[in-house]
């Protein structure tokens, strides 16, 4: 990471929160996708916040998906409401599958070209359909927050079910984007449509 957090008066709460986020992020990232799957979202002191789990999933997906061509960076792009950038910040600059992880928000579809993964935060159906259509011809793993997302042409949906985060995969979309998903990741999916597990 290269950056050191120093405690100074007036920013202690923010600094300690960043340190805690960084530690939990390291634990979730190091333990892999399976740990995030098993983490309940129940209320309590030990529960990991849902946005933090979603961020861990996005980073872990990068480990189980292959993109065509090379590249020195792996960029997670965020579209719509900004619910995850604070939780993804501790991962930024780390190496994932030999690529430097970057996180950025996008506001226009012409910014999609540099994205490997696109997280579409809950937004209205029209905007969601428009971003799915814009990403359809690119090697981008699209990830949404509703079951309808994969039905509308998104690649993955991160969903809350029985106090856990689960995910669905639309393999026809993944294949059309030129991506390859590890069988290990597919085995962890709640549902796989448009192709074999």
Protein backbone atom coordinates (compact mmCIF):
# COMPACT_ATOMS: atom_id res chain seq x y z
CA UNK A 1 0.00 0.00 0.00
CA UNK A 2 2.81 2.42 0.81
CA UNK A 3 0.66 4.83 2.85
CA UNK A 4 0.88 4.98 6.62
CA UNK A 5 -2.01 6.20 8.72
CA UNK A 6 -0.93 8.53 11.47
CA UNK A 7 -3.09 9.42 14.45
CA UNK A 8 -3.73 13.10 14.85
CA UNK A 9 -6.24 15.01 16.96
CA UNK A 10 -9.60 15.47 15.29
CA UNK A 11 -9.30 12.53 12.91
CA UNK A 12 -8.84 9.61 15.27
CA UNK A 13 -12.23 8.08 14.61
CA UNK A 14 -11.71 8.17 10.86
CA UNK A 15 -8.15 6.83 11.15
CA UNK A 16 -9.08 3.92 13.39
CA UNK A 17 -12.02 3.09 11.12
CA UNK A 18 -9.66 2.98 8.14
CA UNK A 19 -7.26 0.71 10.06
CA UNK A 20 -10.13 -1.63 11.00
CA UNK A 21 -11.39 -1.70 7.41
CA UNK A 22 -7.90 -2.48 6.15
CA UNK A 23 -7.51 -5.38 8.62
CA UNK A 24 -10.89 -6.92 7.83
CA UNK A 25 -10.25 -6.45 4.11
CA UNK A 26 -6.93 -8.27 4.41
CA UNK A 27 -8.57 -11.12 6.31
CA UNK A 28 -11.43 -11.51 3.84
CA UNK A 29 -9.19 -11.19 0.81
CA UNK A 30 -6.65 -13.64 2.17
CA UNK A 31 -9.23 -16.22 3.19
CA UNK A 32 -10.90 -16.14 -0.21
CA UNK A 33 -14.42 -16.15 -1.51
CA UNK A 34 -15.64 -19.01 0.66
CA UNK A 35 -15.15 -17.04 3.88
CA UNK A 36 -17.21 -14.14 2.57
CA UNK A 37 -19.95 -16.60 1.64
CA UNK A 38 -20.11 -17.96 5.17
CA UNK A 39 -20.21 -14.58 6.91
CA UNK A 40 -23.66 -13.88 8.38
CA UNK A 41 -25.07 -10.36 8.28
CA UNK A 42 -26.72 -10.63 11.69
CA UNK A 43 -26.58 -7.64 14.02
CA UNK A 44 -23.86 -7.73 16.64
CA UNK A 45 -20.37 -6.60 17.46
CA UNK A 46 -18.66 -9.26 15.34
CA UNK A 47 -20.85 -8.91 12.24
CA UNK A 48 -19.13 -7.49 9.16
CA UNK A 49 -21.16 -4.71 7.49
CA UNK A 50 -22.90 -5.76 4.27
CA UNK A 51 -21.09 -3.19 2.08
CA UNK A 52 -17.78 -4.51 3.39
CA UNK A 53 -18.73 -8.06 2.38
CA UNK A 54 -19.83 -6.85 -1.05
CA UNK A 55 -16.45 -5.15 -1.49
CA UNK A 56 -14.66 -8.38 -0.50
CA UNK A 57 -16.70 -10.31 -3.06
CA UNK A 58 -15.78 -7.86 -5.84
CA UNK A 59 -12.09 -8.23 -5.06
CA UNK A 60 -12.33 -12.01 -4.81
CA UNK A 61 -14.16 -12.27 -8.13
CA UNK A 62 -11.01 -10.84 -9.74
CA UNK A 63 -9.14 -13.95 -8.55
CA UNK A 64 -11.56 -16.38 -10.17
CA UNK A 65 -12.17 -14.72 -13.55
CA UNK A 66 -9.81 -14.52 -16.54
CA UNK A 67 -9.94 -11.60 -18.96
CA UNK A 68 -8.71 -11.73 -22.54
CA UNK A 69 -5.30 -10.16 -23.16
CA UNK A 70 -2.84 -8.95 -20.58
CA UNK A 71 -2.73 -5.86 -18.48
CA UNK A 72 -0.94 -4.53 -15.46
CA UNK A 73 -4.05 -3.27 -13.67
CA UNK A 74 -7.36 -4.71 -12.54
CA UNK A 75 -9.90 -1.91 -12.26
CA UNK A 76 -13.17 -2.15 -10.38
CA UNK A 77 -15.51 0.56 -11.62
CA UNK A 78 -18.49 1.76 -9.61
CA UNK A 79 -21.63 3.10 -11.27
CA UNK A 80 -24.68 4.54 -9.53
CA UNK A 81 -24.98 5.26 -5.82
CA UNK A 82 -21.59 5.23 -4.10
CA UNK A 83 -21.97 2.60 -1.39
CA UNK A 84 -18.67 0.72 -1.71
CA UNK A 85 -15.74 3.04 -2.47
CA UNK A 86 -14.88 3.49 1.23
CA UNK A 87 -14.86 -0.29 1.67
CA UNK A 88 -12.81 -0.92 -1.47
CA UNK A 89 -10.20 1.72 -0.59
CA UNK A 90 -8.15 -0.65 1.65
CA UNK A 91 -7.66 -3.00 -1.32
CA UNK A 92 -6.48 -0.34 -3.75
CA UNK A 93 -2.87 -0.77 -4.86
CA UNK A 94 -2.74 -4.44 -3.89
CA UNK A 95 -1.73 -7.12 -6.35
CA UNK A 96 -4.52 -9.44 -7.51
CA UNK A 97 -3.44 -12.17 -9.92
CA UNK A 98 -0.32 -10.12 -10.72
CA UNK A 99 -2.29 -6.94 -11.48
CA UNK A 100 -2.48 -3.75 -9.45
CA UNK A 101 -6.00 -3.23 -8.13
CA UNK A 102 -7.58 0.13 -8.86
CA UNK A 103 -11.00 1.47 -7.95
CA UNK A 104 -12.81 4.33 -9.65
CA UNK A 105 -16.28 5.74 -10.06
CA UNK A 106 -17.68 6.21 -13.52
CA UNK A 107 -20.48 8.49 -14.61
CA UNK A 108 -20.59 7.99 -18.38
CA UNK A 109 -20.56 4.85 -20.49
CA UNK A 110 -17.51 5.92 -22.50
CA UNK A 111 -15.51 5.38 -19.30
CA UNK A 112 -16.16 1.61 -19.36
CA UNK A 113 -13.22 0.75 -21.62
CA UNK A 114 -10.70 0.61 -18.76
CA UNK A 115 -12.90 -1.44 -16.41
CA UNK A 116 -12.41 -5.15 -15.78
CA UNK A 117 -15.28 -5.30 -13.32
CA UNK A 118 -18.28 -2.97 -13.16
CA UNK A 119 -20.42 -2.77 -10.04
CA UNK A 120 -23.84 -1.27 -10.71
CA UNK A 121 -25.31 -0.02 -7.45
CA UNK A 122 -29.08 -0.09 -7.14
CA UNK A 123 -30.46 2.29 -9.71
CA UNK A 124 -33.65 2.65 -11.73
CA UNK A 125 -34.41 -0.03 -14.33
CA UNK A 126 -33.86 2.27 -17.29
CA UNK A 127 -30.35 3.31 -16.22
CA UNK A 128 -29.50 -0.27 -15.27
CA UNK A 129 -30.58 -1.53 -18.70
CA UNK A 130 -28.57 1.24 -20.38
CA UNK A 131 -25.33 0.41 -18.54
CA UNK A 132 -25.77 -3.33 -19.20
CA UNK A 133 -26.23 -2.58 -22.91
CA UNK A 134 -23.17 -0.30 -22.97
CA UNK A 135 -20.99 -2.98 -21.33
CA UNK A 136 -22.36 -5.87 -23.42
CA UNK A 137 -19.70 -5.66 -26.13
CA UNK A 138 -16.78 -5.19 -23.74
CA UNK A 139 -14.70 -7.70 -21.72
CA UNK A 140 -16.22 -6.40 -18.48
CA UNK A 141 -17.63 -8.46 -15.62
CA UNK A 142 -20.88 -6.67 -14.73
CA UNK A 143 -22.13 -7.11 -11.16
CA UNK A 144 -25.47 -5.85 -9.85
CA UNK A 145 -27.52 -5.94 -6.67
CA UNK A 146 -30.80 -7.54 -7.77
CA UNK A 147 -31.86 -10.91 -9.18
CA UNK A 148 -33.33 -9.03 -12.14
CA UNK A 149 -29.83 -7.82 -13.02
CA UNK A 150 -28.74 -11.19 -14.47
CA UNK A 151 -32.11 -11.60 -16.19
CA UNK A 152 -31.62 -8.21 -17.91
CA UNK A 153 -28.18 -9.18 -19.23
CA UNK A 154 -25.80 -8.60 -16.33
CA UNK A 155 -23.13 -11.21 -15.58
CA UNK A 156 -23.44 -11.55 -11.79
CA UNK A 157 -25.84 -10.49 -9.08
CA UNK A 158 -24.80 -10.11 -5.44
CA UNK A 159 -27.88 -10.78 -3.33
CA UNK A 160 -28.82 -10.91 0.32
CA UNK A 161 -30.49 -14.17 1.33
CA UNK A 162 -31.12 -15.58 4.81
CA UNK A 163 -28.63 -13.17 6.40
CA UNK A 164 -25.86 -13.94 3.89
CA UNK A 165 -24.54 -12.55 0.65
CA UNK A 166 -24.97 -15.00 -2.24
CA UNK A 167 -24.45 -14.59 -5.96
CA UNK A 168 -26.01 -15.68 -9.23
CA UNK A 169 -24.14 -16.04 -12.52
CA UNK A 170 -25.40 -15.62 -16.09
CA UNK A 171 -22.88 -17.72 -18.02
CA UNK A 172 -24.12 -16.69 -21.46
CA UNK A 173 -23.28 -13.06 -20.61
CA UNK A 174 -19.89 -14.05 -19.16
CA UNK A 175 -19.04 -16.05 -22.31
CA UNK A 176 -20.22 -13.28 -24.64
CA UNK A 177 -17.90 -10.86 -22.82
CA UNK A 178 -14.97 -13.22 -23.54
CA UNK A 179 -14.40 -14.02 -19.87
CA UNK A 180 -13.61 -17.36 -18.24
CA UNK A 181 -14.90 -18.14 -14.76
CA UNK A 182 -13.23 -20.70 -12.53
CA UNK A 183 -15.31 -23.83 -11.81
CA UNK A 184 -14.50 -23.24 -8.14
CA UNK A 185 -16.36 -19.93 -8.24
CA UNK A 186 -19.29 -21.43 -10.13
CA UNK A 187 -19.64 -24.14 -7.46
CA UNK A 188 -20.09 -21.41 -4.85
CA UNK A 189 -22.82 -19.63 -6.84
CA UNK A 190 -26.41 -19.88 -5.68
CA UNK A 191 -27.61 -20.13 -9.27
CA UNK A 192 -25.90 -20.47 -12.66
CA UNK A 193 -28.00 -19.77 -15.75
CA UNK A 194 -27.13 -19.85 -19.44
CA UNK A 195 -24.53 -22.61 -19.16
CA UNK A 196 -23.12 -25.47 -17.11
CA UNK A 197 -21.78 -25.04 -13.60
